[in-house]
Amino acid sequence: MRMRRKTNLDSRLESCAHLLIAKPKQLRGIWLEESNFNELHVELGCGKGLFTVETAKKKPDVLIVAVEKIANVLVIALERAEQEKLKNVRFINGLADDLLDFFAEGEVSRFYISFCDPWPANRHKKRRLTGRAFLESYRQVLRSGGEIHFKTDDLSLFEFSLSEFEQCGFQLSGVTYNLHEIGPTGVMTDYEVKFHEQGLPIYRCVIKT
């Protein structure tokens, strides 16, 4: 079912317009130009932005660009960043399919992919953000030694992803099937907080170019 557009969405987006990049293609290759940021990190599917905001607070020298296709949830992420008065976060209302239009070769140091749609049907596997078509796009814009940090609550997606990572020649590290087994570890997303409270395992790994 399609999410109903919030009646006050446009005005809320406008109030955070300085954080929302309307024409990201114009910044391709120059995201860090004339800035005080050392690296560019990209989050795919930021949702309501808990992970985005908390990560930005911990990494003030890193520019974090969060991509989210659903404006209804993106506006919450924008408002969270605005409330914290963060200077190192920008948002794109767009799709991961367009990454090569947004970022230049070797421009990104790290991708965060957390709790993406598993697209469980085999006929939809090309839509999975950890499938090889997307992985080749990430490889093009990642710098040498760049990383992808991946988390999910879906075991089938995780095992599919591990296979895709290896077949595409990425180096795997930090593979875990229960990230928070002995207590909360790292920055969580909104979904992750809920899943952890329900006692569900979180699967995580890091891959490098």
N, C-alpha and C. Protein backbone atom coordinates (compact mmCIF):
# COMPACT_ATOMS: atom_id res chain seq x y z
N MET A 1 0.84 -1.19 0.00
CA MET A 1 0.00 0.00 0.00
C MET A 1 0.88 1.26 0.00
N ARG A 2 0.56 2.18 -0.86
CA ARG A 2 1.34 3.41 -0.95
C ARG A 2 1.09 4.32 0.25
N MET A 3 2.17 4.85 0.81
CA MET A 3 2.04 5.73 1.97
C MET A 3 1.39 7.05 1.57
N ARG A 4 0.41 7.48 2.36
CA ARG A 4 -0.30 8.71 2.06
C ARG A 4 0.59 9.92 2.39
N ARG A 5 0.65 10.86 1.49
CA ARG A 5 1.49 12.04 1.67
C ARG A 5 0.96 12.91 2.80
N LYS A 6 1.84 13.31 3.71
CA LYS A 6 1.44 14.15 4.83
C LYS A 6 0.93 15.50 4.31
N THR A 7 -0.12 16.01 4.93
CA THR A 7 -0.73 17.25 4.45
C THR A 7 0.20 18.45 4.61
N ASN A 8 1.06 18.44 5.62
CA ASN A 8 1.97 19.56 5.86
C ASN A 8 3.41 19.26 5.44
N LEU A 9 3.55 18.27 4.57
CA LEU A 9 4.89 17.81 4.20
C LEU A 9 5.72 18.90 3.52
N ASP A 10 5.13 19.61 2.56
CA ASP A 10 5.89 20.59 1.80
C ASP A 10 6.45 21.70 2.69
N SER A 11 5.64 22.17 3.62
CA SER A 11 6.11 23.25 4.50
C SER A 11 7.20 22.75 5.45
N ARG A 12 7.08 21.52 5.89
CA ARG A 12 8.10 20.95 6.77
C ARG A 12 9.42 20.75 6.02
N LEU A 13 9.34 20.28 4.79
CA LEU A 13 10.54 20.13 3.97
C LEU A 13 11.19 21.48 3.71
N GLU A 14 10.38 22.47 3.44
CA GLU A 14 10.89 23.81 3.16
C GLU A 14 11.64 24.39 4.35
N SER A 15 11.18 24.10 5.55
CA SER A 15 11.82 24.63 6.74
C SER A 15 13.21 24.04 6.97
N CYS A 16 13.49 22.91 6.31
CA CYS A 16 14.80 22.25 6.43
C CYS A 16 15.53 22.25 5.09
N ALA A 17 15.15 23.15 4.21
CA ALA A 17 15.64 23.12 2.83
C ALA A 17 17.16 23.23 2.73
N HIS A 18 17.81 23.89 3.70
CA HIS A 18 19.26 24.05 3.64
C HIS A 18 19.99 22.72 3.84
N LEU A 19 19.30 21.71 4.34
CA LEU A 19 19.91 20.39 4.52
C LEU A 19 19.55 19.42 3.38
N LEU A 20 18.58 19.79 2.59
CA LEU A 20 18.08 18.93 1.51
C LEU A 20 18.65 19.39 0.17
N ILE A 21 19.40 18.51 -0.47
CA ILE A 21 20.05 18.85 -1.74
C ILE A 21 19.07 18.63 -2.89
N ALA A 22 18.59 19.71 -3.46
CA ALA A 22 17.58 19.63 -4.52
C ALA A 22 18.16 19.12 -5.84
N LYS A 23 19.43 19.46 -6.11
CA LYS A 23 20.05 19.06 -7.38
C LYS A 23 21.41 18.40 -7.09
N PRO A 24 21.37 17.17 -6.57
CA PRO A 24 22.62 16.49 -6.19
C PRO A 24 23.56 16.22 -7.36
N LYS A 25 23.04 16.13 -8.57
CA LYS A 25 23.90 15.87 -9.72
C LYS A 25 24.91 17.01 -9.93
N GLN A 26 24.55 18.22 -9.51
CA GLN A 26 25.44 19.36 -9.68
C GLN A 26 26.63 19.31 -8.72
N LEU A 27 26.54 18.47 -7.68
CA LEU A 27 27.63 18.36 -6.71
C LEU A 27 28.52 17.15 -6.97
N ARG A 28 28.22 16.41 -8.02
CA ARG A 28 29.01 15.23 -8.35
C ARG A 28 30.48 15.61 -8.53
N GLY A 29 31.34 14.98 -7.72
CA GLY A 29 32.77 15.23 -7.81
C GLY A 29 33.28 16.38 -6.97
N ILE A 30 32.39 17.16 -6.37
CA ILE A 30 32.84 18.33 -5.60
C ILE A 30 32.19 18.40 -4.21
N TRP A 31 31.71 17.29 -3.70
CA TRP A 31 31.06 17.29 -2.40
C TRP A 31 31.98 17.82 -1.29
N LEU A 32 33.25 17.50 -1.36
CA LEU A 32 34.19 17.91 -0.31
C LEU A 32 34.99 19.16 -0.67
N GLU A 33 34.75 19.68 -1.85
CA GLU A 33 35.52 20.84 -2.30
C GLU A 33 35.24 22.06 -1.42
N GLU A 34 36.32 22.71 -1.02
CA GLU A 34 36.23 23.93 -0.21
C GLU A 34 35.44 23.71 1.09
N SER A 35 35.56 22.52 1.66
CA SER A 35 34.91 22.24 2.94
C SER A 35 35.96 21.79 3.94
N ASN A 36 35.54 21.70 5.20
CA ASN A 36 36.45 21.26 6.25
C ASN A 36 36.29 19.78 6.56
N PHE A 37 35.57 19.07 5.71
CA PHE A 37 35.33 17.65 5.95
C PHE A 37 36.41 16.80 5.28
N ASN A 38 36.83 15.75 5.98
CA ASN A 38 37.91 14.90 5.48
C ASN A 38 37.43 13.77 4.60
N GLU A 39 36.20 13.31 4.83
CA GLU A 39 35.69 12.16 4.10
C GLU A 39 34.21 12.35 3.78
N LEU A 40 33.75 11.57 2.81
CA LEU A 40 32.35 11.55 2.44
C LEU A 40 31.79 10.15 2.71
N HIS A 41 30.80 10.06 3.57
CA HIS A 41 30.10 8.81 3.84
C HIS A 41 28.68 8.94 3.32
N VAL A 42 28.15 7.86 2.77
CA VAL A 42 26.81 7.86 2.19
C VAL A 42 25.96 6.78 2.84
N GLU A 43 24.80 7.17 3.31
CA GLU A 43 23.85 6.22 3.90
C GLU A 43 22.70 6.01 2.91
N LEU A 44 22.42 4.76 2.60
CA LEU A 44 21.35 4.43 1.67
C LEU A 44 20.12 3.99 2.44
N GLY A 45 19.03 4.75 2.30
CA GLY A 45 17.81 4.43 3.00
C GLY A 45 17.89 4.83 4.46
N CYS A 46 17.94 6.13 4.71
CA CYS A 46 18.15 6.61 6.09
C CYS A 46 16.90 6.56 6.95
N GLY A 47 15.72 6.37 6.34
CA GLY A 47 14.50 6.31 7.13
C GLY A 47 14.30 7.58 7.93
N LYS A 48 13.99 7.42 9.23
CA LYS A 48 13.72 8.57 10.10
C LYS A 48 14.98 9.22 10.65
N GLY A 49 16.14 8.68 10.31
CA GLY A 49 17.38 9.40 10.55
C GLY A 49 18.07 9.26 11.89
N LEU A 50 17.65 8.32 12.73
CA LEU A 50 18.34 8.16 14.02
C LEU A 50 19.81 7.83 13.81
N PHE A 51 20.09 6.85 12.95
CA PHE A 51 21.47 6.47 12.67
C PHE A 51 22.24 7.63 12.05
N THR A 52 21.62 8.31 11.12
CA THR A 52 22.25 9.44 10.44
C THR A 52 22.73 10.50 11.43
N VAL A 53 21.82 10.92 12.28
CA VAL A 53 22.10 11.99 13.23
C VAL A 53 23.15 11.58 14.26
N GLU A 54 23.00 10.39 14.83
CA GLU A 54 23.94 9.95 15.86
C GLU A 54 25.33 9.70 15.29
N THR A 55 25.39 9.21 14.07
CA THR A 55 26.69 9.00 13.43
C THR A 55 27.36 10.33 13.12
N ALA A 56 26.59 11.29 12.64
CA ALA A 56 27.13 12.61 12.33
C ALA A 56 27.68 13.29 13.58
N LYS A 57 27.01 13.10 14.71
CA LYS A 57 27.48 13.68 15.97
C LYS A 57 28.81 13.08 16.39
N LYS A 58 29.00 11.80 16.10
CA LYS A 58 30.24 11.12 16.49
C LYS A 58 31.38 11.38 15.50
N LYS A 59 31.05 11.83 14.29
CA LYS A 59 32.05 12.03 13.24
C LYS A 59 31.94 13.45 12.66
N PRO A 60 32.29 14.47 13.43
CA PRO A 60 32.11 15.85 12.97
C PRO A 60 33.00 16.23 11.79
N ASP A 61 34.06 15.47 11.53
CA ASP A 61 34.95 15.77 10.41
C ASP A 61 34.54 15.06 9.12
N VAL A 62 33.45 14.32 9.18
CA VAL A 62 32.97 13.55 8.03
C VAL A 62 31.66 14.15 7.52
N LEU A 63 31.55 14.33 6.21
CA LEU A 63 30.29 14.75 5.60
C LEU A 63 29.46 13.50 5.34
N ILE A 64 28.27 13.46 5.90
CA ILE A 64 27.38 12.32 5.71
C ILE A 64 26.21 12.74 4.82
N VAL A 65 26.07 12.04 3.71
CA VAL A 65 24.96 12.29 2.79
C VAL A 65 24.01 11.11 2.88
N ALA A 66 22.79 11.37 3.30
CA ALA A 66 21.79 10.32 3.49
C ALA A 66 20.79 10.36 2.34
N VAL A 67 20.58 9.21 1.72
CA VAL A 67 19.67 9.09 0.58
C VAL A 67 18.41 8.35 1.04
N GLU A 68 17.26 8.94 0.78
CA GLU A 68 15.99 8.31 1.18
C GLU A 68 14.92 8.65 0.13
N LYS A 69 14.22 7.62 -0.34
CA LYS A 69 13.25 7.84 -1.41
C LYS A 69 11.88 8.28 -0.92
N ILE A 70 11.54 8.00 0.35
CA ILE A 70 10.21 8.28 0.85
C ILE A 70 10.21 9.60 1.61
N ALA A 71 9.60 10.61 1.04
CA ALA A 71 9.63 11.95 1.63
C ALA A 71 8.95 12.00 3.00
N ASN A 72 7.94 11.18 3.19
CA ASN A 72 7.21 11.18 4.47
C ASN A 72 8.10 10.82 5.66
N VAL A 73 9.07 9.95 5.45
CA VAL A 73 9.99 9.61 6.54
C VAL A 73 11.24 10.47 6.49
N LEU A 74 11.64 10.88 5.30
CA LEU A 74 12.81 11.74 5.16
C LEU A 74 12.65 13.03 5.94
N VAL A 75 11.44 13.57 5.97
CA VAL A 75 11.22 14.84 6.67
C VAL A 75 11.51 14.71 8.16
N ILE A 76 11.28 13.54 8.73
CA ILE A 76 11.58 13.32 10.15
C ILE A 76 13.09 13.34 10.37
N ALA A 77 13.83 12.72 9.44
CA ALA A 77 15.30 12.73 9.52
C ALA A 77 15.83 14.16 9.40
N LEU A 78 15.27 14.91 8.49
CA LEU A 78 15.67 16.31 8.32
C LEU A 78 15.44 17.11 9.59
N GLU A 79 14.29 16.93 10.19
CA GLU A 79 13.96 17.68 11.40
C GLU A 79 14.84 17.27 12.57
N ARG A 80 15.22 16.00 12.63
CA ARG A 80 16.14 15.56 13.68
C ARG A 80 17.50 16.24 13.52
N ALA A 81 17.99 16.27 12.29
CA ALA A 81 19.29 16.91 12.04
C ALA A 81 19.23 18.40 12.31
N GLU A 82 18.12 19.02 11.95
CA GLU A 82 17.93 20.45 12.19
C GLU A 82 17.91 20.75 13.69
N GLN A 83 17.21 19.92 14.43
CA GLN A 83 17.11 20.12 15.88
C GLN A 83 18.49 20.03 16.54
N GLU A 84 19.35 19.15 16.03
CA GLU A 84 20.70 18.99 16.59
C GLU A 84 21.68 20.03 16.03
N LYS A 85 21.20 20.84 15.08
CA LYS A 85 22.02 21.89 14.45
C LYS A 85 23.30 21.31 13.85
N LEU A 86 23.17 20.18 13.18
CA LEU A 86 24.32 19.51 12.57
C LEU A 86 24.76 20.23 11.31
N LYS A 87 26.06 20.37 11.16
CA LYS A 87 26.64 21.03 10.00
C LYS A 87 27.17 20.05 8.96
N ASN A 88 27.30 18.78 9.33
CA ASN A 88 27.97 17.80 8.47
C ASN A 88 27.02 16.75 7.91
N VAL A 89 25.74 17.11 7.76
CA VAL A 89 24.76 16.18 7.19
C VAL A 89 24.01 16.86 6.05
N ARG A 90 23.82 16.11 4.97
CA ARG A 90 22.98 16.56 3.86
C ARG A 90 22.08 15.39 3.46
N PHE A 91 20.95 15.69 2.87
CA PHE A 91 19.99 14.66 2.50
C PHE A 91 19.62 14.77 1.02
N ILE A 92 19.36 13.61 0.43
CA ILE A 92 18.89 13.53 -0.95
C ILE A 92 17.59 12.73 -0.96
N ASN A 93 16.54 13.31 -1.52
CA ASN A 93 15.30 12.58 -1.71
C ASN A 93 15.39 11.89 -3.07
N GLY A 94 15.94 10.68 -3.06
CA GLY A 94 16.20 10.00 -4.32
C GLY A 94 16.41 8.51 -4.14
N LEU A 95 16.94 7.88 -5.18
CA LEU A 95 17.08 6.43 -5.24
C LEU A 95 18.54 6.01 -5.33
N ALA A 96 18.84 4.84 -4.80
CA ALA A 96 20.18 4.28 -4.91
C ALA A 96 20.54 3.98 -6.37
N ASP A 97 19.54 3.80 -7.20
CA ASP A 97 19.78 3.55 -8.63
C ASP A 97 20.54 4.69 -9.30
N ASP A 98 20.47 5.89 -8.72
CA ASP A 98 21.05 7.07 -9.34
C ASP A 98 22.41 7.47 -8.75
N LEU A 99 23.02 6.58 -7.98
CA LEU A 99 24.27 6.92 -7.29
C LEU A 99 25.35 7.43 -8.23
N LEU A 100 25.47 6.82 -9.41
CA LEU A 100 26.53 7.22 -10.33
C LEU A 100 26.32 8.63 -10.87
N ASP A 101 25.09 9.13 -10.76
CA ASP A 101 24.81 10.51 -11.15
C ASP A 101 25.12 11.48 -10.01
N PHE A 102 25.10 10.97 -8.78
CA PHE A 102 25.30 11.83 -7.61
C PHE A 102 26.76 11.94 -7.19
N PHE A 103 27.53 10.86 -7.38
CA PHE A 103 28.89 10.80 -6.86
C PHE A 103 29.88 10.36 -7.94
N ALA A 104 31.07 10.93 -7.88
CA ALA A 104 32.10 10.64 -8.88
C ALA A 104 32.97 9.46 -8.46
N GLU A 105 33.75 8.99 -9.38
CA GLU A 105 34.65 7.86 -9.12
C GLU A 105 35.60 8.18 -7.97
N GLY A 106 35.65 7.27 -6.99
CA GLY A 106 36.56 7.42 -5.86
C GLY A 106 36.20 8.51 -4.87
N GLU A 107 34.99 9.04 -4.93
CA GLU A 107 34.62 10.17 -4.09
C GLU A 107 34.13 9.76 -2.70
N VAL A 108 33.60 8.56 -2.57
CA VAL A 108 32.98 8.11 -1.33
C VAL A 108 33.94 7.21 -0.56
N SER A 109 34.04 7.43 0.75
CA SER A 109 34.89 6.58 1.60
C SER A 109 34.12 5.42 2.22
N ARG A 110 32.83 5.61 2.43
CA ARG A 110 32.06 4.56 3.12
C ARG A 110 30.59 4.65 2.76
N PHE A 111 29.98 3.47 2.62
CA PHE A 111 28.53 3.34 2.49
C PHE A 111 27.97 2.68 3.73
N TYR A 112 26.80 3.12 4.16
CA TYR A 112 26.04 2.45 5.21
C TYR A 112 24.75 1.93 4.57
N ILE A 113 24.53 0.63 4.69
CA ILE A 113 23.28 0.02 4.20
C ILE A 113 22.68 -0.75 5.37
N SER A 114 21.59 -0.24 5.90
CA SER A 114 21.00 -0.84 7.11
C SER A 114 19.53 -1.15 6.91
N PHE A 115 19.18 -2.41 7.10
CA PHE A 115 17.78 -2.85 7.10
C PHE A 115 17.05 -2.45 5.82
N CYS A 116 17.71 -2.68 4.71
CA CYS A 116 17.10 -2.40 3.41
C CYS A 116 16.02 -3.44 3.11
N ASP A 117 15.17 -3.13 2.16
CA ASP A 117 14.11 -4.04 1.73
C ASP A 117 14.75 -5.34 1.24
N PRO A 118 14.37 -6.50 1.80
CA PRO A 118 15.00 -7.77 1.39
C PRO A 118 14.54 -8.28 0.03
N TRP A 119 13.46 -7.76 -0.49
CA TRP A 119 12.93 -8.24 -1.77
C TRP A 119 13.04 -9.76 -1.84
N PRO A 120 12.25 -10.48 -1.02
CA PRO A 120 12.45 -11.92 -0.86
C PRO A 120 12.19 -12.77 -2.10
N ALA A 121 11.31 -12.34 -2.97
CA ALA A 121 11.03 -13.14 -4.17
C ALA A 121 12.26 -13.19 -5.08
N ASN A 122 12.57 -14.37 -5.58
CA ASN A 122 13.76 -14.53 -6.42
C ASN A 122 13.71 -13.65 -7.65
N ARG A 123 12.52 -13.41 -8.17
CA ARG A 123 12.40 -12.58 -9.39
C ARG A 123 12.75 -11.12 -9.12
N HIS A 124 12.82 -10.74 -7.83
CA HIS A 124 13.12 -9.36 -7.46
C HIS A 124 14.55 -9.18 -6.95
N LYS A 125 15.38 -10.19 -7.05
CA LYS A 125 16.70 -10.12 -6.42
C LYS A 125 17.58 -9.00 -6.99
N LYS A 126 17.31 -8.58 -8.22
CA LYS A 126 18.08 -7.48 -8.81
C LYS A 126 17.81 -6.15 -8.10
N ARG A 127 16.73 -6.09 -7.33
CA ARG A 127 16.40 -4.86 -6.62
C ARG A 127 17.09 -4.76 -5.26
N ARG A 128 17.67 -5.86 -4.80
CA ARG A 128 18.32 -5.86 -3.49
C ARG A 128 19.57 -4.98 -3.53
N LEU A 129 19.71 -4.12 -2.54
CA LEU A 129 20.81 -3.16 -2.52
C LEU A 129 22.18 -3.82 -2.32
N THR A 130 22.18 -5.10 -1.99
CA THR A 130 23.44 -5.83 -1.84
C THR A 130 23.66 -6.81 -2.99
N GLY A 131 22.89 -6.66 -4.05
CA GLY A 131 23.08 -7.48 -5.24
C GLY A 131 24.23 -6.96 -6.08
N ARG A 132 24.71 -7.78 -6.99
CA ARG A 132 25.95 -7.43 -7.71
C ARG A 132 25.85 -6.19 -8.59
N ALA A 133 24.66 -5.90 -9.13
CA ALA A 133 24.54 -4.70 -9.95
C ALA A 133 24.80 -3.45 -9.12
N PHE A 134 24.20 -3.40 -7.93
CA PHE A 134 24.45 -2.27 -7.04
C PHE A 134 25.89 -2.28 -6.54
N LEU A 135 26.42 -3.46 -6.25
CA LEU A 135 27.79 -3.54 -5.75
C LEU A 135 28.79 -2.95 -6.74
N GLU A 136 28.55 -3.16 -8.02
CA GLU A 136 29.45 -2.59 -9.02
C GLU A 136 29.35 -1.06 -9.05
N SER A 137 28.16 -0.53 -8.78
CA SER A 137 28.00 0.92 -8.69
C SER A 137 28.76 1.46 -7.49
N TYR A 138 28.64 0.77 -6.35
CA TYR A 138 29.36 1.21 -5.16
C TYR A 138 30.87 1.19 -5.40
N ARG A 139 31.33 0.15 -6.06
CA ARG A 139 32.76 0.02 -6.32
C ARG A 139 33.29 1.20 -7.14
N GLN A 140 32.48 1.67 -8.07
CA GLN A 140 32.93 2.76 -8.94
C GLN A 140 33.13 4.07 -8.17
N VAL A 141 32.27 4.32 -7.18
CA VAL A 141 32.37 5.60 -6.49
C VAL A 141 33.17 5.52 -5.18
N LEU A 142 33.47 4.29 -4.72
CA LEU A 142 34.28 4.13 -3.52
C LEU A 142 35.75 4.38 -3.83
N ARG A 143 36.43 5.01 -2.90
CA ARG A 143 37.87 5.19 -3.03
C ARG A 143 38.56 3.86 -2.74
N SER A 144 39.83 3.75 -3.07
CA SER A 144 40.60 2.55 -2.76
C SER A 144 40.61 2.34 -1.25
N GLY A 145 40.26 1.15 -0.81
CA GLY A 145 40.16 0.87 0.61
C GLY A 145 38.85 1.28 1.23
N GLY A 146 37.91 1.75 0.41
CA GLY A 146 36.61 2.16 0.92
C GLY A 146 35.81 0.99 1.46
N GLU A 147 34.81 1.31 2.28
CA GLU A 147 34.07 0.27 2.99
C GLU A 147 32.57 0.37 2.77
N ILE A 148 31.91 -0.77 2.96
CA ILE A 148 30.46 -0.83 3.03
C ILE A 148 30.10 -1.50 4.35
N HIS A 149 29.32 -0.82 5.18
CA HIS A 149 28.86 -1.36 6.45
C HIS A 149 27.40 -1.79 6.27
N PHE A 150 27.15 -3.08 6.45
CA PHE A 150 25.84 -3.65 6.15
C PHE A 150 25.24 -4.30 7.38
N LYS A 151 23.97 -3.98 7.66
CA LYS A 151 23.23 -4.59 8.76
C LYS A 151 21.82 -4.96 8.28
N THR A 152 21.31 -6.08 8.82
CA THR A 152 19.96 -6.52 8.49
C THR A 152 19.44 -7.44 9.59
N ASP A 153 18.13 -7.58 9.63
CA ASP A 153 17.51 -8.56 10.53
C ASP A 153 17.04 -9.78 9.75
N ASP A 154 17.30 -9.79 8.44
CA ASP A 154 16.81 -10.84 7.55
C ASP A 154 17.95 -11.81 7.22
N LEU A 155 17.87 -13.02 7.75
CA LEU A 155 18.95 -14.00 7.58
C LEU A 155 19.14 -14.38 6.12
N SER A 156 18.06 -14.58 5.41
CA SER A 156 18.17 -14.97 3.99
C SER A 156 18.88 -13.88 3.19
N LEU A 157 18.53 -12.62 3.45
CA LEU A 157 19.19 -11.51 2.76
C LEU A 157 20.66 -11.46 3.14
N PHE A 158 20.97 -11.68 4.40
CA PHE A 158 22.36 -11.63 4.86
C PHE A 158 23.20 -12.69 4.17
N GLU A 159 22.70 -13.91 4.10
CA GLU A 159 23.47 -14.98 3.47
C GLU A 159 23.60 -14.75 1.97
N PHE A 160 22.54 -14.25 1.34
CA PHE A 160 22.62 -13.87 -0.07
C PHE A 160 23.69 -12.81 -0.26
N SER A 161 23.72 -11.82 0.63
CA SER A 161 24.65 -10.70 0.52
C SER A 161 26.09 -11.15 0.70
N LEU A 162 26.34 -12.02 1.67
CA LEU A 162 27.70 -12.53 1.88
C LEU A 162 28.22 -13.21 0.62
N SER A 163 27.35 -13.97 -0.03
CA SER A 163 27.73 -14.65 -1.27
C SER A 163 28.03 -13.65 -2.38
N GLU A 164 27.18 -12.64 -2.51
CA GLU A 164 27.38 -11.62 -3.53
C GLU A 164 28.68 -10.84 -3.29
N PHE A 165 28.95 -10.50 -2.03
CA PHE A 165 30.17 -9.76 -1.71
C PHE A 165 31.41 -10.54 -2.13
N GLU A 166 31.41 -11.82 -1.80
CA GLU A 166 32.58 -12.64 -2.11
C GLU A 166 32.74 -12.84 -3.61
N GLN A 167 31.63 -13.08 -4.30
CA GLN A 167 31.69 -13.31 -5.74
C GLN A 167 32.11 -12.05 -6.49
N CYS A 168 31.85 -10.89 -5.91
CA CYS A 168 32.24 -9.63 -6.55
C CYS A 168 33.65 -9.18 -6.14
N GLY A 169 34.32 -10.00 -5.34
CA GLY A 169 35.72 -9.73 -5.02
C GLY A 169 35.96 -8.76 -3.89
N PHE A 170 34.93 -8.51 -3.06
CA PHE A 170 35.13 -7.64 -1.90
C PHE A 170 35.74 -8.44 -0.75
N GLN A 171 36.46 -7.76 0.12
CA GLN A 171 37.05 -8.39 1.30
C GLN A 171 36.06 -8.29 2.46
N LEU A 172 35.75 -9.42 3.06
CA LEU A 172 34.79 -9.47 4.16
C LEU A 172 35.50 -9.40 5.51
N SER A 173 34.90 -8.69 6.46
CA SER A 173 35.42 -8.66 7.82
C SER A 173 34.27 -8.38 8.78
N GLY A 174 34.50 -8.66 10.06
CA GLY A 174 33.52 -8.34 11.09
C GLY A 174 32.18 -9.00 10.90
N VAL A 175 32.16 -10.21 10.35
CA VAL A 175 30.89 -10.89 10.11
C VAL A 175 30.33 -11.40 11.44
N THR A 176 29.11 -11.03 11.76
CA THR A 176 28.47 -11.50 12.98
C THR A 176 27.00 -11.81 12.73
N TYR A 177 26.52 -12.85 13.39
CA TYR A 177 25.11 -13.23 13.28
C TYR A 177 24.30 -12.79 14.51
N ASN A 178 24.93 -12.07 15.41
CA ASN A 178 24.21 -11.56 16.58
C ASN A 178 24.98 -10.37 17.14
N LEU A 179 24.86 -9.25 16.48
CA LEU A 179 25.66 -8.06 16.77
C LEU A 179 25.56 -7.61 18.22
N HIS A 180 24.36 -7.64 18.77
CA HIS A 180 24.14 -7.10 20.11
C HIS A 180 24.01 -8.20 21.18
N GLU A 181 24.65 -9.31 20.93
CA GLU A 181 24.49 -10.47 21.83
C GLU A 181 24.85 -10.15 23.28
N ILE A 182 25.89 -9.35 23.48
CA ILE A 182 26.32 -9.04 24.85
C ILE A 182 26.02 -7.58 25.21
N GLY A 183 25.13 -6.96 24.46
CA GLY A 183 24.75 -5.59 24.73
C GLY A 183 24.82 -4.74 23.49
N PRO A 184 24.12 -3.59 23.48
CA PRO A 184 24.11 -2.72 22.30
C PRO A 184 25.51 -2.36 21.83
N THR A 185 25.71 -2.48 20.52
CA THR A 185 27.01 -2.22 19.91
C THR A 185 26.87 -1.20 18.79
N GLY A 186 27.58 -0.09 18.90
CA GLY A 186 27.56 0.90 17.83
C GLY A 186 26.27 1.69 17.78
N VAL A 187 26.16 2.51 16.75
CA VAL A 187 24.98 3.36 16.55
C VAL A 187 23.86 2.54 15.92
N MET A 188 22.67 2.64 16.47
CA MET A 188 21.53 1.89 15.96
C MET A 188 20.63 2.76 15.09
N THR A 189 19.88 2.09 14.23
CA THR A 189 18.81 2.74 13.48
C THR A 189 17.52 2.64 14.28
N ASP A 190 16.47 3.32 13.82
CA ASP A 190 15.17 3.22 14.49
C ASP A 190 14.66 1.78 14.46
N TYR A 191 14.77 1.13 13.31
CA TYR A 191 14.36 -0.26 13.20
C TYR A 191 15.16 -1.15 14.14
N GLU A 192 16.45 -0.90 14.20
CA GLU A 192 17.35 -1.73 15.00
C GLU A 192 17.02 -1.66 16.47
N VAL A 193 16.68 -0.48 16.96
CA VAL A 193 16.28 -0.34 18.37
C VAL A 193 15.06 -1.22 18.65
N LYS A 194 14.10 -1.17 17.76
CA LYS A 194 12.88 -1.97 17.93
C LYS A 194 13.19 -3.47 17.90
N PHE A 195 13.99 -3.89 16.91
CA PHE A 195 14.32 -5.31 16.79
C PHE A 195 15.10 -5.80 18.01
N HIS A 196 16.03 -4.97 18.49
CA HIS A 196 16.83 -5.36 19.65
C HIS A 196 15.95 -5.51 20.89
N GLU A 197 15.00 -4.60 21.05
CA GLU A 197 14.09 -4.69 22.19
C GLU A 197 13.22 -5.95 22.13
N GLN A 198 12.98 -6.44 20.91
CA GLN A 198 12.20 -7.67 20.73
C GLN A 198 13.06 -8.92 20.84
N GLY A 199 14.36 -8.74 21.04
CA GLY A 199 15.26 -9.88 21.19
C GLY A 199 15.65 -10.54 19.88
N LEU A 200 15.46 -9.84 18.77
CA LEU A 200 15.80 -10.41 17.46
C LEU A 200 17.28 -10.21 17.16
N PRO A 201 17.93 -11.20 16.55
CA PRO A 201 19.35 -11.03 16.22
C PRO A 201 19.55 -10.06 15.06
N ILE A 202 20.66 -9.34 15.10
CA ILE A 202 21.03 -8.42 14.02
C ILE A 202 22.28 -8.97 13.36
N TYR A 203 22.23 -9.09 12.04
CA TYR A 203 23.36 -9.59 11.27
C TYR A 203 24.14 -8.41 10.69
N ARG A 204 25.46 -8.49 10.78
CA ARG A 204 26.28 -7.36 10.32
C ARG A 204 27.59 -7.84 9.73
N CYS A 205 28.09 -7.07 8.77
CA CYS A 205 29.43 -7.29 8.25
C CYS A 205 29.97 -6.00 7.65
N VAL A 206 31.26 -5.97 7.42
CA VAL A 206 31.93 -4.85 6.76
C VAL A 206 32.65 -5.43 5.55
N ILE A 207 32.53 -4.78 4.42
CA ILE A 207 33.28 -5.22 3.24
C ILE A 207 34.13 -4.05 2.74
N LYS A 208 35.26 -4.40 2.14
CA LYS A 208 36.22 -3.41 1.67
C LYS A 208 36.55 -3.66 0.20
N THR A 209 36.86 -2.56 -0.49
CA THR A 209 37.27 -2.68 -1.89
C THR A 209 38.71 -3.17 -1.96
